[in-house]
């Protein structure tokens, strides 16, 4: 993988978020303790389970993680 999950997520930041992933990205950006350099699902998931009060559901994280894996795989192929 070439970039951490956080760096992938941040590209979804938006001043007026229109979906759950954009809201997640905005909150993660403001969360100074977010594991910004992590490539590990369990590390990020565990962090959010304990500190991700800003997530309506962990399903949002899971969907974002799946998109992250797909995008990273796509970028490493080309």
Protein backbone atom coordinates (compact mmCIF):
# COMPACT_ATOMS: atom_id res chain seq x y z
CA UNK A 1 0.00 0.00 0.00
CA UNK A 2 1.28 3.40 -0.87
CA UNK A 3 -0.68 5.63 1.50
CA UNK A 4 -2.16 5.21 4.93
CA UNK A 5 -5.90 4.88 5.44
CA UNK A 6 -6.02 8.38 6.91
CA UNK A 7 -4.37 9.91 3.84
CA UNK A 8 -6.83 8.05 1.63
CA UNK A 9 -9.79 9.19 3.75
CA UNK A 10 -8.80 12.85 3.87
CA UNK A 11 -9.43 13.25 0.14
CA UNK A 12 -13.16 12.95 0.96
CA UNK A 13 -13.15 16.02 3.23
CA UNK A 14 -15.70 18.61 2.20
CA UNK A 15 -16.83 21.87 3.82
CA UNK A 16 -20.46 20.81 3.31
CA UNK A 17 -20.41 17.00 3.55
CA UNK A 18 -23.20 15.33 1.64
CA UNK A 19 -22.54 11.72 2.67
CA UNK A 20 -21.35 9.66 5.62
CA UNK A 21 -17.80 9.18 4.32
CA UNK A 22 -17.32 12.94 3.92
CA UNK A 23 -18.56 13.50 7.47
CA UNK A 24 -16.21 10.73 8.66
CA UNK A 25 -13.29 12.36 6.83
CA UNK A 26 -14.07 15.77 8.33
CA UNK A 27 -14.19 14.34 11.85
CA UNK A 28 -11.06 12.21 11.38
CA UNK A 29 -9.22 15.35 10.23
CA UNK A 30 -10.17 17.09 13.47
CA UNK A 31 -9.29 14.03 15.59
CA UNK A 32 -5.66 14.70 16.50
CA UNK A 33 -5.25 11.21 17.97
CA UNK A 34 -6.44 9.37 14.85
CA UNK A 35 -3.81 6.77 13.77
CA UNK A 36 -2.69 8.80 10.76
CA UNK A 37 0.13 6.50 9.65
CA UNK A 38 -1.67 3.19 9.99
CA UNK A 39 -2.14 0.69 7.19
CA UNK A 40 -3.69 -1.84 9.61
CA UNK A 41 -7.45 -2.50 9.69
CA UNK A 42 -7.44 -3.77 13.27
CA UNK A 43 -5.50 -0.79 14.59
CA UNK A 44 -7.83 1.75 12.99
CA UNK A 45 -10.95 -0.26 13.81
CA UNK A 46 -9.97 -0.66 17.47
CA UNK A 47 -9.20 3.03 17.72
CA UNK A 48 -12.59 3.95 16.28
CA UNK A 49 -14.42 1.47 18.50
CA UNK A 50 -13.01 3.30 21.53
CA UNK A 51 -12.79 6.86 20.22
CA UNK A 52 -14.95 7.19 17.12
CA UNK A 53 -17.95 8.73 18.81
CA UNK A 54 -18.39 10.82 15.66
CA UNK A 55 -19.26 7.73 13.56
CA UNK A 56 -22.96 6.87 13.37
CA UNK A 57 -21.99 3.27 12.62
CA UNK A 58 -18.82 1.25 12.16
CA UNK A 59 -20.32 0.23 8.83
CA UNK A 60 -19.19 3.63 7.51
CA UNK A 61 -15.61 2.75 8.41
CA UNK A 62 -15.93 -0.72 6.87
CA UNK A 63 -17.22 0.73 3.60
CA UNK A 64 -14.45 3.32 3.55
CA UNK A 65 -11.86 0.60 4.26
CA UNK A 66 -13.14 -1.55 1.38
CA UNK A 67 -12.91 1.44 -0.96
CA UNK A 68 -9.40 2.11 0.36
CA UNK A 69 -8.28 -1.47 -0.37
CA UNK A 70 -9.81 -1.38 -3.84
CA UNK A 71 -8.17 1.96 -4.67
CA UNK A 72 -4.78 0.90 -3.33
CA UNK A 73 -4.89 -2.36 -5.27
CA UNK A 74 -5.86 -0.48 -8.42
CA UNK A 75 -3.00 2.01 -7.99
CA UNK A 76 -0.38 -0.69 -7.42
CA UNK A 77 -1.42 -2.52 -10.60
CA UNK A 78 -0.81 0.53 -12.80
